[in-house]
Amino acid sequence: MQIVLALIYGAAIGALAHYTMPGKDTRGSALTPMLGAVVGGAVWTILTWVGMHPGDAWLWLLGLIVPAAAVFGGLAVITRMRIVHDRRERERLNIA
């Protein structure tokens, strides 16, 4: 049941990232919470499959750091890609 904490934390970090990082008009508001929840759940699942237990500090530490790094890093890349794509589409369609 502790995986639910990883999912909630990942979603909360994703929501925080959406509202604090620039370019929120280029993405949907559900993208980053979903990304955070998926990464948080995946990290928790992989680490428990490796053999870590909920009492291990590394499981909690990595369960907090990896989703935050993935969300903020991934969001920067996604936003940059969207801006470049929109600019190319405007040029292709001759929109000022």
PDB file of N, CA and C in Angstrom:
ATOM      1  N   MET A   1       0.803  -1.207   0.000  1.00  0.00           N
ATOM      2  CA  MET A   1       0.000   0.000   0.000  1.00  0.00           C
ATOM      3  C   MET A   1       0.845   1.271   0.000  1.00  0.00           C
ATOM      4  N   GLN A   2       2.117   1.152   0.324  1.00  0.00           N
ATOM      5  CA  GLN A   2       2.963   2.340   0.320  1.00  0.00           C
ATOM      6  C   GLN A   2       3.183   2.888  -1.084  1.00  0.00           C
ATOM      7  N   ILE A   3       2.902   2.086  -2.092  1.00  0.00           N
ATOM      8  CA  ILE A   3       3.050   2.578  -3.463  1.00  0.00           C
ATOM      9  C   ILE A   3       2.092   3.743  -3.723  1.00  0.00           C
ATOM     10  N   VAL A   4       0.988   3.773  -3.016  1.00  0.00           N
ATOM     11  CA  VAL A   4       0.036   4.871  -3.175  1.00  0.00           C
ATOM     12  C   VAL A   4       0.701   6.195  -2.793  1.00  0.00           C
ATOM     13  N   LEU A   5       1.566   6.163  -1.778  1.00  0.00           N
ATOM     14  CA  LEU A   5       2.299   7.378  -1.393  1.00  0.00           C
ATOM     15  C   LEU A   5       3.211   7.840  -2.521  1.00  0.00           C
ATOM     16  N   ALA A   6       3.847   6.896  -3.200  1.00  0.00           N
ATOM     17  CA  ALA A   6       4.712   7.254  -4.325  1.00  0.00           C
ATOM     18  C   ALA A   6       3.895   7.848  -5.469  1.00  0.00           C
ATOM     19  N   LEU A   7       2.729   7.305  -5.721  1.00  0.00           N
ATOM     20  CA  LEU A   7       1.856   7.831  -6.777  1.00  0.00           C
ATOM     21  C   LEU A   7       1.362   9.235  -6.435  1.00  0.00           C
ATOM     22  N   ILE A   8       0.947   9.436  -5.196  1.00  0.00           N
ATOM     23  CA  ILE A   8       0.456  10.757  -4.777  1.00  0.00           C
ATOM     24  C   ILE A   8       1.580  11.780  -4.811  1.00  0.00           C
ATOM     25  N   TYR A   9       2.748  11.402  -4.311  1.00  0.00           N
ATOM     26  CA  TYR A   9       3.881  12.324  -4.331  1.00  0.00           C
ATOM     27  C   TYR A   9       4.253  12.693  -5.761  1.00  0.00           C
ATOM     28  N   GLY A  10       4.300  11.710  -6.644  1.00  0.00           N
ATOM     29  CA  GLY A  10       4.637  11.983  -8.039  1.00  0.00           C
ATOM     30  C   GLY A  10       3.634  12.927  -8.687  1.00  0.00           C
ATOM     31  N   ALA A  11       2.353  12.707  -8.410  1.00  0.00           N
ATOM     32  CA  ALA A  11       1.327  13.587  -8.974  1.00  0.00           C
ATOM     33  C   ALA A  11       1.432  14.999  -8.401  1.00  0.00           C
ATOM     34  N   ALA A  12       1.729  15.101  -7.116  1.00  0.00           N
ATOM     35  CA  ALA A  12       1.873  16.428  -6.495  1.00  0.00           C
ATOM     36  C   ALA A  12       3.077  17.168  -7.062  1.00  0.00           C
ATOM     37  N   ILE A  13       4.184  16.477  -7.255  1.00  0.00           N
ATOM     38  CA  ILE A  13       5.369  17.102  -7.855  1.00  0.00           C
ATOM     39  C   ILE A  13       5.055  17.534  -9.284  1.00  0.00           C
ATOM     40  N   GLY A  14       4.305  16.720 -10.010  1.00  0.00           N
ATOM     41  CA  GLY A  14       3.928  17.077 -11.372  1.00  0.00           C
ATOM     42  C   GLY A  14       3.057  18.322 -11.417  1.00  0.00           C
ATOM     43  N   ALA A  15       2.110  18.425 -10.497  1.00  0.00           N
ATOM     44  CA  ALA A  15       1.253  19.616 -10.451  1.00  0.00           C
ATOM     45  C   ALA A  15       2.072  20.844 -10.093  1.00  0.00           C
ATOM     46  N   LEU A  16       2.981  20.695  -9.154  1.00  0.00           N
ATOM     47  CA  LEU A  16       3.862  21.809  -8.778  1.00  0.00           C
ATOM     48  C   LEU A  16       4.713  22.243  -9.968  1.00  0.00           C
ATOM     49  N   ALA A  17       5.233  21.281 -10.697  1.00  0.00           N
ATOM     50  CA  ALA A  17       6.060  21.599 -11.860  1.00  0.00           C
ATOM     51  C   ALA A  17       5.254  22.326 -12.926  1.00  0.00           C
ATOM     52  N   HIS A  18       4.020  21.901 -13.140  1.00  0.00           N
ATOM     53  CA  HIS A  18       3.195  22.541 -14.175  1.00  0.00           C
ATOM     54  C   HIS A  18       2.986  24.020 -13.864  1.00  0.00           C
ATOM     55  N   TYR A  19       2.729  24.336 -12.624  1.00  0.00           N
ATOM     56  CA  TYR A  19       2.407  25.720 -12.282  1.00  0.00           C
ATOM     57  C   TYR A  19       3.626  26.591 -11.997  1.00  0.00           C
ATOM     58  N   THR A  20       4.797  25.992 -11.791  1.00  0.00           N
ATOM     59  CA  THR A  20       5.982  26.798 -11.494  1.00  0.00           C
ATOM     60  C   THR A  20       6.921  26.962 -12.685  1.00  0.00           C
ATOM     61  N   MET A  21       6.861  26.062 -13.644  1.00  0.00           N
ATOM     62  CA  MET A  21       7.765  26.159 -14.784  1.00  0.00           C
ATOM     63  C   MET A  21       7.117  26.962 -15.908  1.00  0.00           C
ATOM     64  N   PRO A  22       7.930  27.666 -16.689  1.00  0.00           N
ATOM     65  CA  PRO A  22       7.369  28.469 -17.781  1.00  0.00           C
ATOM     66  C   PRO A  22       6.801  27.597 -18.898  1.00  0.00           C
ATOM     67  N   GLY A  23       5.915  28.189 -19.672  1.00  0.00           N
ATOM     68  CA  GLY A  23       5.365  27.513 -20.837  1.00  0.00           C
ATOM     69  C   GLY A  23       4.144  26.679 -20.550  1.00  0.00           C
ATOM     70  N   LYS A  24       3.416  26.981 -19.472  1.00  0.00           N
ATOM     71  CA  LYS A  24       2.271  26.135 -19.154  1.00  0.00           C
ATOM     72  C   LYS A  24       1.138  26.256 -20.168  1.00  0.00           C
ATOM     73  N   ASP A  25       1.192  27.287 -21.008  1.00  0.00           N
ATOM     74  CA  ASP A  25       0.183  27.414 -22.055  1.00  0.00           C
ATOM     75  C   ASP A  25       0.454  26.475 -23.230  1.00  0.00           C
ATOM     76  N   THR A  26       1.595  25.790 -23.226  1.00  0.00           N
ATOM     77  CA  THR A  26       1.936  24.876 -24.316  1.00  0.00           C
ATOM     78  C   THR A  26       1.630  23.417 -23.989  1.00  0.00           C
ATOM     79  N   ARG A  27       1.086  23.159 -22.810  1.00  0.00           N
ATOM     80  CA  ARG A  27       0.824  21.771 -22.411  1.00  0.00           C
ATOM     81  C   ARG A  27      -0.470  21.704 -21.603  1.00  0.00           C
ATOM     82  N   GLY A  28      -1.025  20.527 -21.505  1.00  0.00           N
ATOM     83  CA  GLY A  28      -2.225  20.312 -20.717  1.00  0.00           C
ATOM     84  C   GLY A  28      -1.902  20.235 -19.237  1.00  0.00           C
ATOM     85  N   SER A  29      -2.883  20.545 -18.420  1.00  0.00           N
ATOM     86  CA  SER A  29      -2.642  20.580 -16.977  1.00  0.00           C
ATOM     87  C   SER A  29      -2.550  19.189 -16.367  1.00  0.00           C
ATOM     88  N   ALA A  30      -2.970  18.155 -17.058  1.00  0.00           N
ATOM     89  CA  ALA A  30      -2.907  16.798 -16.524  1.00  0.00           C
ATOM     90  C   ALA A  30      -1.641  16.055 -16.932  1.00  0.00           C
ATOM     91  N   LEU A  31      -0.879  16.617 -17.858  1.00  0.00           N
ATOM     92  CA  LEU A  31       0.306  15.927 -18.364  1.00  0.00           C
ATOM     93  C   LEU A  31       1.336  15.682 -17.264  1.00  0.00           C
ATOM     94  N   THR A  32       1.712  16.723 -16.560  1.00  0.00           N
ATOM     95  CA  THR A  32       2.789  16.573 -15.585  1.00  0.00           C
ATOM     96  C   THR A  32       2.381  15.786 -14.344  1.00  0.00           C
ATOM     97  N   PRO A  33       1.160  15.944 -13.797  1.00  0.00           N
ATOM     98  CA  PRO A  33       0.803  15.054 -12.683  1.00  0.00           C
ATOM     99  C   PRO A  33       0.785  13.584 -13.082  1.00  0.00           C
ATOM    100  N   MET A  34       0.330  13.299 -14.303  1.00  0.00           N
ATOM    101  CA  MET A  34       0.340  11.908 -14.755  1.00  0.00           C
ATOM    102  C   MET A  34       1.765  11.397 -14.942  1.00  0.00           C
ATOM    103  N   LEU A  35       2.629  12.235 -15.502  1.00  0.00           N
ATOM    104  CA  LEU A  35       4.025  11.849 -15.672  1.00  0.00           C
ATOM    105  C   LEU A  35       4.667  11.564 -14.315  1.00  0.00           C
ATOM    106  N   GLY A  36       4.421  12.430 -13.344  1.00  0.00           N
ATOM    107  CA  GLY A  36       4.974  12.232 -12.010  1.00  0.00           C
ATOM    108  C   GLY A  36       4.452  10.976 -11.341  1.00  0.00           C
ATOM    109  N   ALA A  37       3.157  10.717 -11.469  1.00  0.00           N
ATOM    110  CA  ALA A  37       2.580   9.520 -10.862  1.00  0.00           C
ATOM    111  C   ALA A  37       3.126   8.244 -11.502  1.00  0.00           C
ATOM    112  N   VAL A  38       3.265   8.251 -12.818  1.00  0.00           N
ATOM    113  CA  VAL A  38       3.792   7.073 -13.518  1.00  0.00           C
ATOM    114  C   VAL A  38       5.243   6.814 -13.119  1.00  0.00           C
ATOM    115  N   VAL A  39       6.049   7.858 -13.088  1.00  0.00           N
ATOM    116  CA  VAL A  39       7.461   7.687 -12.719  1.00  0.00           C
ATOM    117  C   VAL A  39       7.578   7.261 -11.260  1.00  0.00           C
ATOM    118  N   GLY A  40       6.817   7.901 -10.377  1.00  0.00           N
ATOM    119  CA  GLY A  40       6.862   7.527  -8.959  1.00  0.00           C
ATOM    120  C   GLY A  40       6.464   6.079  -8.730  1.00  0.00           C
ATOM    121  N   GLY A  41       5.385   5.650  -9.376  1.00  0.00           N
ATOM    122  CA  GLY A  41       4.958   4.263  -9.243  1.00  0.00           C
ATOM    123  C   GLY A  41       5.950   3.286  -9.837  1.00  0.00           C
ATOM    124  N   ALA A  42       6.531   3.655 -10.969  1.00  0.00           N
ATOM    125  CA  ALA A  42       7.512   2.774 -11.611  1.00  0.00           C
ATOM    126  C   ALA A  42       8.772   2.630 -10.763  1.00  0.00           C
ATOM    127  N   VAL A  43       9.247   3.729 -10.215  1.00  0.00           N
ATOM    128  CA  VAL A  43      10.452   3.677  -9.366  1.00  0.00           C
ATOM    129  C   VAL A  43      10.190   2.808  -8.145  1.00  0.00           C
ATOM    130  N   TRP A  44       9.054   3.022  -7.502  1.00  0.00           N
ATOM    131  CA  TRP A  44       8.719   2.250  -6.309  1.00  0.00           C
ATOM    132  C   TRP A  44       8.609   0.762  -6.646  1.00  0.00           C
ATOM    133  N   THR A  45       7.945   0.455  -7.747  1.00  0.00           N
ATOM    134  CA  THR A  45       7.770  -0.940  -8.144  1.00  0.00           C
ATOM    135  C   THR A  45       9.100  -1.600  -8.463  1.00  0.00           C
ATOM    136  N   ILE A  46       9.934  -0.929  -9.233  1.00  0.00           N
ATOM    137  CA  ILE A  46      11.228  -1.500  -9.606  1.00  0.00           C
ATOM    138  C   ILE A  46      12.099  -1.727  -8.381  1.00  0.00           C
ATOM    139  N   LEU A  47      12.127  -0.749  -7.488  1.00  0.00           N
ATOM    140  CA  LEU A  47      12.970  -0.893  -6.303  1.00  0.00           C
ATOM    141  C   LEU A  47      12.470  -1.980  -5.363  1.00  0.00           C
ATOM    142  N   THR A  48      11.165  -2.188  -5.276  1.00  0.00           N
ATOM    143  CA  THR A  48      10.679  -3.290  -4.441  1.00  0.00           C
ATOM    144  C   THR A  48      10.932  -4.632  -5.116  1.00  0.00           C
ATOM    145  N   TRP A  49      10.882  -4.688  -6.451  1.00  0.00           N
ATOM    146  CA  TRP A  49      11.219  -5.922  -7.146  1.00  0.00           C
ATOM    147  C   TRP A  49      12.691  -6.262  -6.970  1.00  0.00           C
ATOM    148  N   VAL A  50      13.531  -5.247  -6.863  1.00  0.00           N
ATOM    149  CA  VAL A  50      14.959  -5.471  -6.662  1.00  0.00           C
ATOM    150  C   VAL A  50      15.227  -6.048  -5.273  1.00  0.00           C
ATOM    151  N   GLY A  51      14.316  -5.806  -4.346  1.00  0.00           N
ATOM    152  CA  GLY A  51      14.467  -6.390  -3.021  1.00  0.00           C
ATOM    153  C   GLY A  51      14.436  -5.391  -1.878  1.00  0.00           C
ATOM    154  N   MET A  52      14.201  -4.138  -2.171  1.00  0.00           N
ATOM    155  CA  MET A  52      14.124  -3.149  -1.096  1.00  0.00           C
ATOM    156  C   MET A  52      12.780  -3.263  -0.386  1.00  0.00           C
ATOM    157  N   HIS A  53      12.788  -2.900   0.888  1.00  0.00           N
ATOM    158  CA  HIS A  53      11.585  -2.967   1.712  1.00  0.00           C
ATOM    159  C   HIS A  53      11.171  -1.557   2.114  1.00  0.00           C
ATOM    160  N   PRO A  54       9.922  -1.350   2.489  1.00  0.00           N
ATOM    161  CA  PRO A  54       9.461  -0.011   2.875  1.00  0.00           C
ATOM    162  C   PRO A  54      10.253   0.606   4.029  1.00  0.00           C
ATOM    163  N   GLY A  55      10.975  -0.174   4.761  1.00  0.00           N
ATOM    164  CA  GLY A  55      11.805   0.362   5.837  1.00  0.00           C
ATOM    165  C   GLY A  55      13.157   0.876   5.377  1.00  0.00           C
ATOM    166  N   ASP A  56      13.522   0.625   4.124  1.00  0.00           N
ATOM    167  CA  ASP A  56      14.812   1.068   3.590  1.00  0.00           C
ATOM    168  C   ASP A  56      14.774   2.552   3.245  1.00  0.00           C
ATOM    169  N   ALA A  57      15.763   3.268   3.724  1.00  0.00           N
ATOM    170  CA  ALA A  57      15.828   4.711   3.463  1.00  0.00           C
ATOM    171  C   ALA A  57      16.052   4.998   1.981  1.00  0.00           C
ATOM    172  N   TRP A  58      16.814   4.150   1.296  1.00  0.00           N
ATOM    173  CA  TRP A  58      17.091   4.381  -0.125  1.00  0.00           C
ATOM    174  C   TRP A  58      15.829   4.310  -0.967  1.00  0.00           C
ATOM    175  N   LEU A  59      14.916   3.436  -0.593  1.00  0.00           N
ATOM    176  CA  LEU A  59      13.655   3.332  -1.328  1.00  0.00           C
ATOM    177  C   LEU A  59      12.882   4.646  -1.244  1.00  0.00           C
ATOM    178  N   TRP A  60      12.806   5.216  -0.066  1.00  0.00           N
ATOM    179  CA  TRP A  60      12.093   6.480   0.108  1.00  0.00           C
ATOM    180  C   TRP A  60      12.839   7.635  -0.549  1.00  0.00           C
ATOM    181  N   LEU A  61      14.144   7.649  -0.395  1.00  0.00           N
ATOM    182  CA  LEU A  61      14.930   8.733  -0.967  1.00  0.00           C
ATOM    183  C   LEU A  61      14.851   8.732  -2.490  1.00  0.00           C
ATOM    184  N   LEU A  62      15.062   7.583  -3.098  1.00  0.00           N
ATOM    185  CA  LEU A  62      14.972   7.492  -4.558  1.00  0.00           C
ATOM    186  C   LEU A  62      13.540   7.687  -5.041  1.00  0.00           C
ATOM    187  N   GLY A  63      12.572   7.261  -4.230  1.00  0.00           N
ATOM    188  CA  GLY A  63      11.176   7.467  -4.574  1.00  0.00           C
ATOM    189  C   GLY A  63      10.772   8.931  -4.557  1.00  0.00           C
ATOM    190  N   LEU A  64      11.546   9.772  -3.898  1.00  0.00           N
ATOM    191  CA  LEU A  64      11.285  11.212  -3.873  1.00  0.00           C
ATOM    192  C   LEU A  64      12.099  11.970  -4.913  1.00  0.00           C
ATOM    193  N   ILE A  65      13.341  11.575  -5.088  1.00  0.00           N
ATOM    194  CA  ILE A  65      14.252  12.326  -5.966  1.00  0.00           C
ATOM    195  C   ILE A  65      14.023  12.015  -7.444  1.00  0.00           C
ATOM    196  N   VAL A  66      13.902  10.751  -7.795  1.00  0.00           N
ATOM    197  CA  VAL A  66      13.800  10.370  -9.205  1.00  0.00           C
ATOM    198  C   VAL A  66      12.549  10.958  -9.877  1.00  0.00           C
ATOM    199  N   PRO A  67      11.354  10.869  -9.261  1.00  0.00           N
ATOM    200  CA  PRO A  67      10.197  11.490  -9.931  1.00  0.00           C
ATOM    201  C   PRO A  67      10.343  13.001 -10.090  1.00  0.00           C
ATOM    202  N   ALA A  68      10.907  13.672  -9.097  1.00  0.00           N
ATOM    203  CA  ALA A  68      11.089  15.120  -9.209  1.00  0.00           C
ATOM    204  C   ALA A  68      12.048  15.455 -10.350  1.00  0.00           C
ATOM    205  N   ALA A  69      13.155  14.736 -10.439  1.00  0.00           N
ATOM    206  CA  ALA A  69      14.119  14.997 -11.511  1.00  0.00           C
ATOM    207  C   ALA A  69      13.522  14.669 -12.875  1.00  0.00           C
ATOM    208  N   ALA A  70      12.790  13.565 -12.957  1.00  0.00           N
ATOM    209  CA  ALA A  70      12.198  13.176 -14.234  1.00  0.00           C
ATOM    210  C   ALA A  70      11.128  14.164 -14.686  1.00  0.00           C
ATOM    211  N   VAL A  71      10.314  14.625 -13.756  1.00  0.00           N
ATOM    212  CA  VAL A  71       9.236  15.545 -14.122  1.00  0.00           C
ATOM    213  C   VAL A  71       9.794  16.894 -14.557  1.00  0.00           C
ATOM    214  N   PHE A  72      10.680  17.469 -13.763  1.00  0.00           N
ATOM    215  CA  PHE A  72      11.208  18.786 -14.113  1.00  0.00           C
ATOM    216  C   PHE A  72      12.069  18.724 -15.372  1.00  0.00           C
ATOM    217  N   GLY A  73      12.880  17.693 -15.509  1.00  0.00           N
ATOM    218  CA  GLY A  73      13.696  17.536 -16.713  1.00  0.00           C
ATOM    219  C   GLY A  73      12.861  17.235 -17.942  1.00  0.00           C
ATOM    220  N   GLY A  74      11.922  16.310 -17.799  1.00  0.00           N
ATOM    221  CA  GLY A  74      11.062  15.967 -18.914  1.00  0.00           C
ATOM    222  C   GLY A  74      10.175  17.117 -19.344  1.00  0.00           C
ATOM    223  N   LEU A  75       9.720  17.894 -18.381  1.00  0.00           N
ATOM    224  CA  LEU A  75       8.868  19.031 -18.704  1.00  0.00           C
ATOM    225  C   LEU A  75       9.624  20.100 -19.478  1.00  0.00           C
ATOM    226  N   ALA A  76      10.878  20.305 -19.136  1.00  0.00           N
ATOM    227  CA  ALA A  76      11.689  21.272 -19.883  1.00  0.00           C
ATOM    228  C   ALA A  76      11.848  20.825 -21.337  1.00  0.00           C
ATOM    229  N   VAL A  77      12.076  19.543 -21.536  1.00  0.00           N
ATOM    230  CA  VAL A  77      12.238  19.011 -22.894  1.00  0.00           C
ATOM    231  C   VAL A  77      10.919  19.075 -23.663  1.00  0.00           C
ATOM    232  N   ILE A  78       9.830  18.665 -23.027  1.00  0.00           N
ATOM    233  CA  ILE A  78       8.524  18.673 -23.693  1.00  0.00           C
ATOM    234  C   ILE A  78       8.127  20.087 -24.096  1.00  0.00           C
ATOM    235  N   THR A  79       8.327  21.043 -23.208  1.00  0.00           N
ATOM    236  CA  THR A  79       7.961  22.429 -23.500  1.00  0.00           C
ATOM    237  C   THR A  79       8.789  22.975 -24.654  1.00  0.00           C
ATOM    238  N   ARG A  80      10.087  22.704 -24.640  1.00  0.00           N
ATOM    239  CA  ARG A  80      10.960  23.172 -25.715  1.00  0.00           C
ATOM    240  C   ARG A  80      10.559  22.552 -27.049  1.00  0.00           C
ATOM    241  N   MET A  81      10.258  21.258 -27.047  1.00  0.00           N
ATOM    242  CA  MET A  81       9.847  20.587 -28.284  1.00  0.00           C
ATOM    243  C   MET A  81       8.537  21.155 -28.812  1.00  0.00           C
ATOM    244  N   ARG A  82       7.613  21.458 -27.917  1.00  0.00           N
ATOM    245  CA  ARG A  82       6.321  22.001 -28.346  1.00  0.00           C
ATOM    246  C   ARG A  82       6.476  23.389 -28.949  1.00  0.00           C
ATOM    247  N   ILE A  83       7.314  24.213 -28.343  1.00  0.00           N
ATOM    248  CA  ILE A  83       7.532  25.564 -28.867  1.00  0.00           C
ATOM    249  C   ILE A  83       8.158  25.505 -30.249  1.00  0.00           C
ATOM    250  N   VAL A  84       9.142  24.635 -30.432  1.00  0.00           N
ATOM    251  CA  VAL A  84       9.783  24.481 -31.747  1.00  0.00           C
ATOM    252  C   VAL A  84       8.781  23.951 -32.767  1.00  0.00           C
ATOM    253  N   HIS A  85       7.983  22.970 -32.384  1.00  0.00           N
ATOM    254  CA  HIS A  85       6.981  22.415 -33.299  1.00  0.00           C
ATOM    255  C   HIS A  85       5.961  23.474 -33.699  1.00  0.00           C
ATOM    256  N   ASP A  86       5.481  24.251 -32.735  1.00  0.00           N
ATOM    257  CA  ASP A  86       4.502  25.294 -33.057  1.00  0.00           C
ATOM    258  C   ASP A  86       5.094  26.347 -33.993  1.00  0.00           C
ATOM    259  N   ARG A  87       6.345  26.699 -33.770  1.00  0.00           N
ATOM    260  CA  ARG A  87       6.997  27.689 -34.635  1.00  0.00           C
ATOM    261  C   ARG A  87       7.118  27.159 -36.056  1.00  0.00           C
ATOM    262  N   ARG A  88       7.504  25.900 -36.203  1.00  0.00           N
ATOM    263  CA  ARG A  88       7.621  25.295 -37.536  1.00  0.00           C
ATOM    264  C   ARG A  88       6.265  25.200 -38.226  1.00  0.00           C
ATOM    265  N   GLU A  89       5.232  24.880 -37.489  1.00  0.00           N
ATOM    266  CA  GLU A  89       3.896  24.801 -38.081  1.00  0.00           C
ATOM    267  C   GLU A  89       3.406  26.167 -38.531  1.00  0.00           C
ATOM    268  N   ARG A  90       3.693  27.201 -37.757  1.00  0.00           N
ATOM    269  CA  ARG A  90       3.307  28.551 -38.169  1.00  0.00           C
ATOM    270  C   ARG A  90       4.028  28.950 -39.452  1.00  0.00           C
ATOM    271  N   GLU A  91       5.316  28.618 -39.552  1.00  0.00           N
ATOM    272  CA  GLU A  91       6.060  28.919 -40.766  1.00  0.00           C
ATOM    273  C   GLU A  91       5.520  28.119 -41.953  1.00  0.00           C
ATOM    274  N   ARG A  92       5.201  26.867 -41.737  1.00  0.00           N
ATOM    275  CA  ARG A  92       4.683  26.012 -42.812  1.00  0.00           C
ATOM    276  C   ARG A  92       3.334  26.504 -43.318  1.00  0.00           C
ATOM    277  N   LEU A  93       2.508  26.979 -42.398  1.00  0.00           N
ATOM    278  CA  LEU A  93       1.176  27.438 -42.770  1.00  0.00           C
ATOM    279  C   LEU A  93       1.119  28.923 -43.099  1.00  0.00           C
ATOM    280  N   ASN A  94       2.273  29.584 -43.061  1.00  0.00           N
ATOM    281  CA  ASN A  94       2.369  31.036 -43.324  1.00  0.00           C
ATOM    282  C   ASN A  94       1.467  31.847 -42.394  1.00  0.00           C
ATOM    283  N   ILE A  95       1.504  31.506 -41.125  1.00  0.00           N
ATOM    284  CA  ILE A  95       0.756  32.224 -40.107  1.00  0.00           C
ATOM    285  C   ILE A  95       1.734  33.144 -39.378  1.00  0.00           C
ATOM    286  N   ALA A  96       1.360  34.391 -39.245  1.00  0.00           N
ATOM    287  CA  ALA A  96       2.259  35.358 -38.615  1.00  0.00           C
ATOM    288  C   ALA A  96       2.321  35.199 -37.132  1.00  0.00           C
TER     289      ALA A  96
END
